[in-house]
Amino acid sequence: MKKIVIAMDSFKGCLTSTQANEAAEAGVHDVFPDAKIIKISVSDGGEGLLGAVKEMIHSIEMTVPSHDPLMRPIKGIYAISEDRKTAFIELASVSGLPLLIETERNPWITTTFGTGELIFDALERGCRQFIIGIGGSATNDAGLGLLQAVGFNFLDDKGRVLGQGGNILEKVAKVDFSKVHLAVKESRLS
């Protein structure tokens, strides 16, 4: 009996890792009907990271109010380990390309703020270890939006607080740390 391992990443905008694995399994069974198939969901850090994590470890799915790359309200989802120490966050789920239609894809105005909201929630729940998949991003704000959500303020040369989006990068003159979540210092992001 043949034993075949199928571990395919997602096909952006077409198939999740799980769907791609199932399609491949059907094709293999057409040729080798008696083959034993082992399917493993994988992710390169973009879409599908949470699905792969759920298949590999026991985790708890968390749902929190969040914002998409254009600051529209959405439901954010992330996972935490059973011991509640590690959070698994897929940036693409709240700050990713699939959330925007093509005409909305403008890294000058999109933000990672929603990803930071998930981190903030996990900090509040006691997580101090973070595994963050950053693939599939619809943003180019260098993570400033993420940092804003956990309390950082970015100021221009006149001391004014800047808004969100990639367009603020060239305007940042000072960083205000006074409102940063206290647990950030105790945390590790990977």
N, C-alpha and C. Protein backbone atom coordinates (compact mmCIF):
# COMPACT_ATOMS: atom_id res chain seq x y z
N MET A 1 0.85 -1.18 0.00
CA MET A 1 0.00 0.00 0.00
C MET A 1 0.89 1.24 0.00
N LYS A 2 0.53 2.17 -0.83
CA LYS A 2 1.27 3.44 -0.91
C LYS A 2 0.82 4.35 0.21
N LYS A 3 1.77 5.08 0.77
CA LYS A 3 1.47 6.08 1.79
C LYS A 3 1.93 7.42 1.22
N ILE A 4 1.03 8.38 1.16
CA ILE A 4 1.33 9.67 0.54
C ILE A 4 0.98 10.80 1.51
N VAL A 5 1.93 11.72 1.66
CA VAL A 5 1.72 12.90 2.49
C VAL A 5 1.42 14.07 1.57
N ILE A 6 0.33 14.76 1.85
CA ILE A 6 -0.04 15.95 1.09
C ILE A 6 -0.01 17.13 2.04
N ALA A 7 0.81 18.13 1.72
CA ALA A 7 0.95 19.33 2.56
C ALA A 7 1.07 20.52 1.63
N MET A 8 -0.06 21.04 1.22
CA MET A 8 -0.07 22.15 0.25
C MET A 8 -0.48 23.45 0.93
N ASP A 9 0.18 24.51 0.54
CA ASP A 9 -0.20 25.84 1.01
C ASP A 9 -1.45 26.27 0.24
N SER A 10 -2.04 27.34 0.69
CA SER A 10 -3.24 27.86 0.01
C SER A 10 -2.87 28.43 -1.36
N PHE A 11 -3.89 28.58 -2.19
CA PHE A 11 -3.75 29.26 -3.48
C PHE A 11 -4.51 30.57 -3.32
N LYS A 12 -3.77 31.64 -3.17
CA LYS A 12 -4.33 32.95 -2.81
C LYS A 12 -5.62 33.27 -3.57
N GLY A 13 -6.69 33.46 -2.81
CA GLY A 13 -7.96 33.84 -3.39
C GLY A 13 -8.74 32.71 -4.04
N CYS A 14 -8.17 31.50 -4.04
CA CYS A 14 -8.83 30.37 -4.71
C CYS A 14 -9.16 29.22 -3.76
N LEU A 15 -8.13 28.69 -3.12
CA LEU A 15 -8.30 27.53 -2.25
C LEU A 15 -7.52 27.72 -0.95
N THR A 16 -8.11 27.26 0.14
CA THR A 16 -7.37 27.21 1.40
C THR A 16 -6.44 26.01 1.35
N SER A 17 -5.54 25.91 2.29
CA SER A 17 -4.65 24.75 2.37
C SER A 17 -5.45 23.47 2.49
N THR A 18 -6.47 23.48 3.33
CA THR A 18 -7.32 22.30 3.51
C THR A 18 -8.01 21.91 2.21
N GLN A 19 -8.57 22.90 1.49
CA GLN A 19 -9.25 22.61 0.22
C GLN A 19 -8.26 22.08 -0.82
N ALA A 20 -7.06 22.65 -0.88
CA ALA A 20 -6.05 22.17 -1.83
C ALA A 20 -5.65 20.74 -1.50
N ASN A 21 -5.47 20.44 -0.22
CA ASN A 21 -5.14 19.07 0.19
C ASN A 21 -6.23 18.09 -0.19
N GLU A 22 -7.49 18.49 0.00
CA GLU A 22 -8.61 17.61 -0.35
C GLU A 22 -8.69 17.38 -1.86
N ALA A 23 -8.43 18.40 -2.65
CA ALA A 23 -8.43 18.25 -4.11
C ALA A 23 -7.32 17.30 -4.54
N ALA A 24 -6.14 17.46 -3.95
CA ALA A 24 -5.02 16.58 -4.27
C ALA A 24 -5.31 15.15 -3.84
N GLU A 25 -5.95 15.00 -2.70
CA GLU A 25 -6.30 13.67 -2.22
C GLU A 25 -7.25 12.98 -3.20
N ALA A 26 -8.23 13.71 -3.69
CA ALA A 26 -9.16 13.13 -4.67
C ALA A 26 -8.42 12.68 -5.93
N GLY A 27 -7.46 13.50 -6.39
CA GLY A 27 -6.68 13.14 -7.56
C GLY A 27 -5.81 11.91 -7.32
N VAL A 28 -5.18 11.82 -6.15
CA VAL A 28 -4.35 10.66 -5.83
C VAL A 28 -5.21 9.40 -5.76
N HIS A 29 -6.39 9.51 -5.15
CA HIS A 29 -7.26 8.34 -5.05
C HIS A 29 -7.77 7.88 -6.41
N ASP A 30 -7.86 8.79 -7.37
CA ASP A 30 -8.23 8.38 -8.73
C ASP A 30 -7.18 7.45 -9.32
N VAL A 31 -5.92 7.69 -9.01
CA VAL A 31 -4.81 6.90 -9.55
C VAL A 31 -4.46 5.73 -8.64
N PHE A 32 -4.45 5.97 -7.34
CA PHE A 32 -4.10 4.95 -6.34
C PHE A 32 -5.24 4.84 -5.32
N PRO A 33 -6.30 4.11 -5.67
CA PRO A 33 -7.48 4.07 -4.79
C PRO A 33 -7.22 3.54 -3.38
N ASP A 34 -6.20 2.70 -3.22
CA ASP A 34 -5.93 2.11 -1.90
C ASP A 34 -4.87 2.85 -1.11
N ALA A 35 -4.39 3.96 -1.64
CA ALA A 35 -3.31 4.69 -0.96
C ALA A 35 -3.79 5.26 0.37
N LYS A 36 -2.89 5.21 1.33
CA LYS A 36 -3.16 5.87 2.62
C LYS A 36 -2.67 7.31 2.49
N ILE A 37 -3.56 8.25 2.73
CA ILE A 37 -3.25 9.67 2.56
C ILE A 37 -3.17 10.34 3.93
N ILE A 38 -2.10 11.10 4.13
CA ILE A 38 -1.97 11.94 5.31
C ILE A 38 -1.97 13.38 4.83
N LYS A 39 -2.93 14.18 5.30
CA LYS A 39 -3.03 15.58 4.88
C LYS A 39 -2.60 16.47 6.03
N ILE A 40 -1.76 17.45 5.71
CA ILE A 40 -1.29 18.40 6.70
C ILE A 40 -1.49 19.80 6.14
N SER A 41 -2.27 20.61 6.84
CA SER A 41 -2.44 22.00 6.41
C SER A 41 -1.18 22.77 6.76
N VAL A 42 -0.75 23.63 5.85
CA VAL A 42 0.44 24.44 6.07
C VAL A 42 0.15 25.88 5.69
N SER A 43 1.01 26.76 6.12
CA SER A 43 0.88 28.17 5.79
C SER A 43 2.26 28.79 5.75
N ASP A 44 2.42 29.74 4.84
CA ASP A 44 3.68 30.47 4.78
C ASP A 44 3.64 31.72 5.66
N GLY A 45 2.61 31.81 6.49
CA GLY A 45 2.46 32.96 7.38
C GLY A 45 1.35 33.88 6.94
N GLY A 46 0.76 33.60 5.79
CA GLY A 46 -0.37 34.39 5.30
C GLY A 46 -1.68 33.70 5.60
N GLU A 47 -2.63 33.82 4.67
CA GLU A 47 -3.93 33.20 4.85
C GLU A 47 -3.76 31.71 5.14
N GLY A 48 -4.51 31.23 6.11
CA GLY A 48 -4.48 29.82 6.46
C GLY A 48 -3.65 29.47 7.68
N LEU A 49 -2.94 30.44 8.22
CA LEU A 49 -2.11 30.16 9.40
C LEU A 49 -2.96 29.62 10.55
N LEU A 50 -4.08 30.25 10.84
CA LEU A 50 -4.91 29.80 11.97
C LEU A 50 -5.45 28.40 11.73
N GLY A 51 -5.83 28.10 10.50
CA GLY A 51 -6.30 26.75 10.18
C GLY A 51 -5.22 25.71 10.43
N ALA A 52 -4.00 26.02 10.02
CA ALA A 52 -2.88 25.10 10.23
C ALA A 52 -2.60 24.93 11.72
N VAL A 53 -2.64 26.02 12.47
CA VAL A 53 -2.40 25.95 13.92
C VAL A 53 -3.45 25.07 14.58
N LYS A 54 -4.72 25.26 14.20
CA LYS A 54 -5.81 24.48 14.80
C LYS A 54 -5.65 22.99 14.55
N GLU A 55 -5.11 22.63 13.39
CA GLU A 55 -4.91 21.21 13.08
C GLU A 55 -3.72 20.63 13.82
N MET A 56 -2.73 21.47 14.16
CA MET A 56 -1.49 20.96 14.74
C MET A 56 -1.50 20.93 16.27
N ILE A 57 -2.14 21.91 16.89
CA ILE A 57 -2.14 21.95 18.36
C ILE A 57 -3.55 22.23 18.86
N HIS A 58 -3.77 21.86 20.09
CA HIS A 58 -5.04 22.21 20.72
C HIS A 58 -4.98 23.69 21.06
N SER A 59 -5.95 24.43 20.58
CA SER A 59 -5.96 25.87 20.84
C SER A 59 -7.41 26.32 21.03
N ILE A 60 -7.54 27.53 21.51
CA ILE A 60 -8.85 28.11 21.77
C ILE A 60 -9.02 29.28 20.81
N GLU A 61 -10.12 29.27 20.05
CA GLU A 61 -10.36 30.36 19.11
C GLU A 61 -11.02 31.53 19.84
N MET A 62 -10.47 32.71 19.62
CA MET A 62 -10.99 33.92 20.25
C MET A 62 -11.58 34.80 19.15
N THR A 63 -12.72 35.40 19.42
CA THR A 63 -13.36 36.33 18.49
C THR A 63 -13.53 37.66 19.19
N VAL A 64 -13.05 38.73 18.55
CA VAL A 64 -13.10 40.05 19.16
C VAL A 64 -13.47 41.10 18.11
N PRO A 65 -14.13 42.18 18.52
CA PRO A 65 -14.36 43.28 17.58
C PRO A 65 -13.02 43.85 17.13
N SER A 66 -12.91 44.12 15.85
CA SER A 66 -11.66 44.62 15.30
C SER A 66 -11.96 45.52 14.11
N HIS A 67 -10.90 45.87 13.37
CA HIS A 67 -11.07 46.72 12.18
C HIS A 67 -10.26 46.16 11.02
N ASP A 68 -10.80 46.31 9.83
CA ASP A 68 -10.10 45.86 8.62
C ASP A 68 -9.06 46.91 8.22
N PRO A 69 -8.34 46.71 7.11
CA PRO A 69 -7.28 47.66 6.75
C PRO A 69 -7.75 49.09 6.49
N LEU A 70 -9.05 49.27 6.25
CA LEU A 70 -9.60 50.62 6.05
C LEU A 70 -10.37 51.11 7.26
N MET A 71 -10.16 50.46 8.40
CA MET A 71 -10.76 50.83 9.69
C MET A 71 -12.27 50.61 9.73
N ARG A 72 -12.78 49.70 8.92
CA ARG A 72 -14.19 49.31 9.01
C ARG A 72 -14.31 48.20 10.05
N PRO A 73 -15.37 48.23 10.86
CA PRO A 73 -15.53 47.20 11.90
C PRO A 73 -15.69 45.81 11.28
N ILE A 74 -14.98 44.85 11.85
CA ILE A 74 -15.11 43.44 11.48
C ILE A 74 -14.94 42.58 12.73
N LYS A 75 -15.18 41.29 12.55
CA LYS A 75 -14.97 40.34 13.63
C LYS A 75 -13.56 39.77 13.47
N GLY A 76 -12.69 40.01 14.44
CA GLY A 76 -11.34 39.50 14.41
C GLY A 76 -11.26 38.15 15.10
N ILE A 77 -10.44 37.27 14.54
CA ILE A 77 -10.29 35.92 15.09
C ILE A 77 -8.80 35.63 15.25
N TYR A 78 -8.45 35.06 16.39
CA TYR A 78 -7.10 34.56 16.61
C TYR A 78 -7.20 33.36 17.52
N ALA A 79 -6.09 32.68 17.78
CA ALA A 79 -6.10 31.50 18.64
C ALA A 79 -5.11 31.68 19.77
N ILE A 80 -5.41 31.04 20.90
CA ILE A 80 -4.46 31.01 22.00
C ILE A 80 -4.25 29.56 22.42
N SER A 81 -3.07 29.29 22.93
CA SER A 81 -2.75 27.94 23.40
C SER A 81 -3.60 27.60 24.61
N GLU A 82 -3.74 26.30 24.86
CA GLU A 82 -4.55 25.87 25.99
C GLU A 82 -4.06 26.43 27.32
N ASP A 83 -2.74 26.64 27.45
CA ASP A 83 -2.21 27.19 28.70
C ASP A 83 -2.37 28.71 28.76
N ARG A 84 -2.94 29.28 27.70
CA ARG A 84 -3.26 30.71 27.61
C ARG A 84 -2.03 31.61 27.69
N LYS A 85 -0.87 31.10 27.28
CA LYS A 85 0.35 31.90 27.31
C LYS A 85 0.76 32.40 25.93
N THR A 86 0.33 31.68 24.87
CA THR A 86 0.77 31.99 23.52
C THR A 86 -0.43 32.32 22.64
N ALA A 87 -0.32 33.42 21.90
CA ALA A 87 -1.35 33.81 20.93
C ALA A 87 -0.83 33.58 19.53
N PHE A 88 -1.70 33.07 18.66
CA PHE A 88 -1.38 32.84 17.25
C PHE A 88 -2.25 33.79 16.44
N ILE A 89 -1.61 34.70 15.74
CA ILE A 89 -2.35 35.75 15.03
C ILE A 89 -1.98 35.73 13.56
N GLU A 90 -3.01 35.70 12.74
CA GLU A 90 -2.86 35.75 11.28
C GLU A 90 -3.19 37.16 10.83
N LEU A 91 -2.17 37.94 10.51
CA LEU A 91 -2.37 39.32 10.09
C LEU A 91 -3.39 39.42 8.95
N ALA A 92 -3.33 38.49 8.01
CA ALA A 92 -4.22 38.52 6.85
C ALA A 92 -5.70 38.45 7.23
N SER A 93 -6.01 37.89 8.40
CA SER A 93 -7.41 37.74 8.79
C SER A 93 -8.08 39.08 9.11
N VAL A 94 -7.30 40.09 9.49
CA VAL A 94 -7.88 41.40 9.79
C VAL A 94 -7.23 42.54 9.01
N SER A 95 -6.03 42.32 8.52
CA SER A 95 -5.30 43.38 7.80
C SER A 95 -4.86 42.90 6.41
N GLY A 96 -5.60 41.94 5.86
CA GLY A 96 -5.14 41.30 4.63
C GLY A 96 -5.85 41.70 3.35
N LEU A 97 -5.22 41.36 2.25
CA LEU A 97 -5.73 41.64 0.91
C LEU A 97 -7.13 41.08 0.66
N PRO A 98 -7.45 39.87 1.13
CA PRO A 98 -8.78 39.33 0.83
C PRO A 98 -9.95 40.17 1.38
N LEU A 99 -9.66 41.08 2.30
CA LEU A 99 -10.72 41.90 2.90
C LEU A 99 -11.07 43.13 2.05
N LEU A 100 -10.28 43.37 1.02
CA LEU A 100 -10.46 44.56 0.21
C LEU A 100 -10.74 44.19 -1.24
N ILE A 101 -11.60 44.97 -1.89
CA ILE A 101 -11.74 44.80 -3.33
C ILE A 101 -10.55 45.50 -3.99
N GLU A 102 -10.30 45.16 -5.22
CA GLU A 102 -9.09 45.65 -5.88
C GLU A 102 -8.94 47.17 -5.83
N THR A 103 -10.03 47.91 -6.00
CA THR A 103 -9.94 49.37 -6.02
C THR A 103 -9.66 49.96 -4.64
N GLU A 104 -9.80 49.17 -3.57
CA GLU A 104 -9.52 49.65 -2.22
C GLU A 104 -8.07 49.39 -1.79
N ARG A 105 -7.34 48.67 -2.57
CA ARG A 105 -5.98 48.27 -2.20
C ARG A 105 -5.00 49.42 -2.41
N ASN A 106 -4.81 50.18 -1.35
CA ASN A 106 -3.95 51.35 -1.39
C ASN A 106 -3.11 51.38 -0.11
N PRO A 107 -1.87 50.91 -0.16
CA PRO A 107 -1.05 50.85 1.06
C PRO A 107 -0.75 52.21 1.65
N TRP A 108 -1.05 53.27 0.95
CA TRP A 108 -0.86 54.62 1.46
C TRP A 108 -1.86 54.90 2.59
N ILE A 109 -3.04 54.25 2.52
CA ILE A 109 -4.08 54.53 3.52
C ILE A 109 -4.46 53.32 4.37
N THR A 110 -4.04 52.11 4.00
CA THR A 110 -4.42 50.94 4.80
C THR A 110 -3.53 50.83 6.04
N THR A 111 -4.04 50.09 7.03
CA THR A 111 -3.37 50.03 8.33
C THR A 111 -3.40 48.62 8.92
N THR A 112 -2.43 48.34 9.79
CA THR A 112 -2.38 47.08 10.54
C THR A 112 -3.04 47.23 11.92
N PHE A 113 -3.80 48.29 12.11
CA PHE A 113 -4.43 48.55 13.41
C PHE A 113 -5.23 47.34 13.91
N GLY A 114 -5.98 46.70 13.04
CA GLY A 114 -6.79 45.54 13.44
C GLY A 114 -5.95 44.41 14.00
N THR A 115 -4.79 44.19 13.44
CA THR A 115 -3.89 43.16 13.98
C THR A 115 -3.47 43.54 15.39
N GLY A 116 -3.19 44.80 15.61
CA GLY A 116 -2.84 45.27 16.95
C GLY A 116 -3.98 45.10 17.93
N GLU A 117 -5.22 45.24 17.45
CA GLU A 117 -6.37 45.02 18.34
C GLU A 117 -6.41 43.58 18.83
N LEU A 118 -6.05 42.64 17.96
CA LEU A 118 -6.00 41.23 18.37
C LEU A 118 -4.90 41.03 19.40
N ILE A 119 -3.75 41.65 19.18
CA ILE A 119 -2.65 41.56 20.14
C ILE A 119 -3.06 42.16 21.48
N PHE A 120 -3.71 43.32 21.45
CA PHE A 120 -4.16 43.96 22.68
C PHE A 120 -5.09 43.03 23.46
N ASP A 121 -6.04 42.41 22.76
CA ASP A 121 -6.97 41.49 23.42
C ASP A 121 -6.22 40.33 24.06
N ALA A 122 -5.25 39.78 23.32
CA ALA A 122 -4.47 38.66 23.85
C ALA A 122 -3.64 39.08 25.07
N LEU A 123 -3.10 40.30 25.03
CA LEU A 123 -2.37 40.82 26.20
C LEU A 123 -3.31 40.89 27.41
N GLU A 124 -4.51 41.37 27.19
CA GLU A 124 -5.49 41.47 28.27
C GLU A 124 -5.85 40.11 28.84
N ARG A 125 -5.77 39.08 28.01
CA ARG A 125 -6.09 37.71 28.45
C ARG A 125 -4.88 37.00 29.06
N GLY A 126 -3.74 37.67 29.14
CA GLY A 126 -2.56 37.11 29.79
C GLY A 126 -1.52 36.51 28.87
N CYS A 127 -1.72 36.54 27.57
CA CYS A 127 -0.71 36.01 26.65
C CYS A 127 0.52 36.91 26.66
N ARG A 128 1.70 36.28 26.61
CA ARG A 128 2.95 37.05 26.55
C ARG A 128 3.87 36.55 25.43
N GLN A 129 3.49 35.46 24.82
CA GLN A 129 4.20 34.94 23.65
C GLN A 129 3.27 35.10 22.45
N PHE A 130 3.80 35.60 21.35
CA PHE A 130 3.00 35.84 20.16
C PHE A 130 3.68 35.26 18.93
N ILE A 131 2.94 34.48 18.18
CA ILE A 131 3.40 34.01 16.89
C ILE A 131 2.47 34.67 15.87
N ILE A 132 3.06 35.55 15.05
CA ILE A 132 2.27 36.36 14.14
C ILE A 132 2.69 36.07 12.70
N GLY A 133 1.74 35.60 11.91
CA GLY A 133 1.97 35.39 10.49
C GLY A 133 1.68 36.69 9.76
N ILE A 134 2.67 37.23 9.05
CA ILE A 134 2.49 38.56 8.45
C ILE A 134 2.25 38.52 6.93
N GLY A 135 2.07 37.34 6.37
CA GLY A 135 1.82 37.25 4.93
C GLY A 135 0.43 37.72 4.56
N GLY A 136 0.26 38.05 3.30
CA GLY A 136 -1.06 38.43 2.78
C GLY A 136 -1.51 39.82 3.19
N SER A 137 -0.60 40.65 3.63
CA SER A 137 -0.95 41.97 4.14
C SER A 137 -1.44 42.91 3.03
N ALA A 138 -2.43 43.71 3.36
CA ALA A 138 -2.92 44.76 2.46
C ALA A 138 -2.33 46.10 2.85
N THR A 139 -1.31 46.07 3.68
CA THR A 139 -0.77 47.30 4.25
C THR A 139 0.71 47.46 3.95
N ASN A 140 1.17 48.67 4.17
CA ASN A 140 2.60 48.96 4.08
C ASN A 140 2.93 50.05 5.10
N ASP A 141 2.37 49.88 6.30
CA ASP A 141 2.59 50.89 7.35
C ASP A 141 3.70 50.51 8.31
N ALA A 142 4.47 49.47 7.97
CA ALA A 142 5.59 49.01 8.79
C ALA A 142 5.17 48.63 10.21
N GLY A 143 3.91 48.25 10.37
CA GLY A 143 3.41 47.86 11.69
C GLY A 143 3.05 49.01 12.60
N LEU A 144 3.06 50.24 12.10
CA LEU A 144 2.70 51.38 12.97
C LEU A 144 1.27 51.27 13.47
N GLY A 145 0.36 50.82 12.62
CA GLY A 145 -1.04 50.66 13.04
C GLY A 145 -1.15 49.65 14.17
N LEU A 146 -0.44 48.54 14.04
CA LEU A 146 -0.40 47.52 15.09
C LEU A 146 0.06 48.15 16.40
N LEU A 147 1.13 48.93 16.33
CA LEU A 147 1.66 49.57 17.53
C LEU A 147 0.69 50.60 18.10
N GLN A 148 -0.02 51.31 17.24
CA GLN A 148 -1.01 52.28 17.72
C GLN A 148 -2.10 51.57 18.53
N ALA A 149 -2.50 50.40 18.09
CA ALA A 149 -3.56 49.67 18.79
C ALA A 149 -3.15 49.22 20.18
N VAL A 150 -1.86 49.06 20.42
CA VAL A 150 -1.41 48.67 21.77
C VAL A 150 -0.92 49.88 22.57
N GLY A 151 -1.16 51.07 22.06
CA GLY A 151 -0.94 52.28 22.85
C GLY A 151 0.14 53.24 22.41
N PHE A 152 0.92 52.90 21.40
CA PHE A 152 1.93 53.84 20.91
C PHE A 152 1.24 54.99 20.19
N ASN A 153 1.78 56.19 20.34
CA ASN A 153 1.33 57.34 19.55
C ASN A 153 2.51 57.85 18.75
N PHE A 154 2.25 58.14 17.50
CA PHE A 154 3.29 58.67 16.61
C PHE A 154 2.96 60.13 16.33
N LEU A 155 3.94 60.99 16.53
CA LEU A 155 3.74 62.43 16.45
C LEU A 155 4.54 63.01 15.29
N ASP A 156 4.02 64.08 14.71
CA ASP A 156 4.76 64.78 13.67
C ASP A 156 5.72 65.78 14.31
N ASP A 157 6.39 66.58 13.50
CA ASP A 157 7.39 67.51 14.03
C ASP A 157 6.80 68.67 14.83
N LYS A 158 5.48 68.81 14.80
CA LYS A 158 4.80 69.84 15.60
C LYS A 158 4.14 69.24 16.85
N GLY A 159 4.37 67.94 17.09
CA GLY A 159 3.82 67.28 18.27
C GLY A 159 2.39 66.81 18.10
N ARG A 160 1.86 66.83 16.89
CA ARG A 160 0.48 66.37 16.65
C ARG A 160 0.46 64.86 16.43
N VAL A 161 -0.56 64.20 17.01
CA VAL A 161 -0.72 62.76 16.84
C VAL A 161 -1.12 62.48 15.40
N LEU A 162 -0.42 61.53 14.78
CA LEU A 162 -0.69 61.16 13.40
C LEU A 162 -1.79 60.10 13.33
N GLY A 163 -2.46 60.03 12.20
CA GLY A 163 -3.51 59.04 11.98
C GLY A 163 -2.93 57.69 11.57
N GLN A 164 -3.70 56.93 10.78
CA GLN A 164 -3.26 55.60 10.36
C GLN A 164 -2.86 55.60 8.88
N GLY A 165 -2.20 54.51 8.50
CA GLY A 165 -1.86 54.28 7.10
C GLY A 165 -0.39 54.46 6.81
N GLY A 166 0.02 53.93 5.68
CA GLY A 166 1.41 54.03 5.25
C GLY A 166 1.87 55.45 5.03
N ASN A 167 0.92 56.34 4.78
CA ASN A 167 1.29 57.73 4.51
C ASN A 167 1.87 58.46 5.72
N ILE A 168 1.75 57.90 6.92
CA ILE A 168 2.32 58.60 8.09
C ILE A 168 3.79 58.29 8.29
N LEU A 169 4.30 57.26 7.63
CA LEU A 169 5.69 56.84 7.86
C LEU A 169 6.68 58.00 7.73
N GLU A 170 6.55 58.77 6.69
CA GLU A 170 7.51 59.85 6.47
C GLU A 170 7.29 61.06 7.39
N LYS A 171 6.18 61.05 8.12
CA LYS A 171 5.86 62.20 8.98
C LYS A 171 6.22 61.98 10.44
N VAL A 172 6.56 60.75 10.82
CA VAL A 172 6.85 60.44 12.22
C VAL A 172 8.14 61.14 12.65
N ALA A 173 8.01 62.00 13.67
CA ALA A 173 9.17 62.71 14.22
C ALA A 173 9.46 62.27 15.66
N LYS A 174 8.42 61.75 16.34
CA LYS A 174 8.58 61.37 17.75
C LYS A 174 7.60 60.26 18.07
N VAL A 175 7.98 59.42 19.02
CA VAL A 175 7.11 58.33 19.48
C VAL A 175 6.78 58.58 20.94
N ASP A 176 5.49 58.54 21.25
CA ASP A 176 5.01 58.70 22.61
C ASP A 176 4.68 57.32 23.17
N PHE A 177 5.40 56.90 24.20
CA PHE A 177 5.24 55.59 24.82
C PHE A 177 4.33 55.62 26.05
N SER A 178 3.80 56.77 26.41
CA SER A 178 3.12 56.93 27.69
C SER A 178 1.86 56.08 27.86
N LYS A 179 1.23 55.66 26.77
CA LYS A 179 -0.01 54.89 26.88
C LYS A 179 0.12 53.46 26.40
N VAL A 180 1.36 52.99 26.22
CA VAL A 180 1.59 51.62 25.75
C VAL A 180 1.15 50.63 26.81
N HIS A 181 0.46 49.58 26.38
CA HIS A 181 0.01 48.52 27.29
C HIS A 181 1.22 48.03 28.09
N LEU A 182 1.08 47.97 29.40
CA LEU A 182 2.19 47.62 30.27
C LEU A 182 2.78 46.24 29.98
N ALA A 183 1.95 45.32 29.50
CA ALA A 183 2.43 43.96 29.26
C ALA A 183 3.30 43.84 28.02
N VAL A 184 3.36 44.87 27.19
CA VAL A 184 4.19 44.81 25.99
C VAL A 184 5.65 44.55 26.37
N LYS A 185 6.12 45.17 27.44
CA LYS A 185 7.52 44.98 27.86
C LYS A 185 7.83 43.54 28.26
N GLU A 186 6.81 42.82 28.70
CA GLU A 186 6.99 41.43 29.15
C GLU A 186 6.78 40.43 28.01
N SER A 187 6.44 40.90 26.83
CA SER A 187 6.01 40.02 25.75
C SER A 187 7.08 39.80 24.70
N ARG A 188 6.91 38.70 23.98
CA ARG A 188 7.84 38.34 22.91
C ARG A 188 7.03 38.02 21.65
N LEU A 189 7.37 38.70 20.57
CA LEU A 189 6.71 38.48 19.29
C LEU A 189 7.63 37.73 18.35
N SER A 190 7.09 36.72 17.70
CA SER A 190 7.87 35.93 16.72
C SER A 190 7.13 35.93 15.40
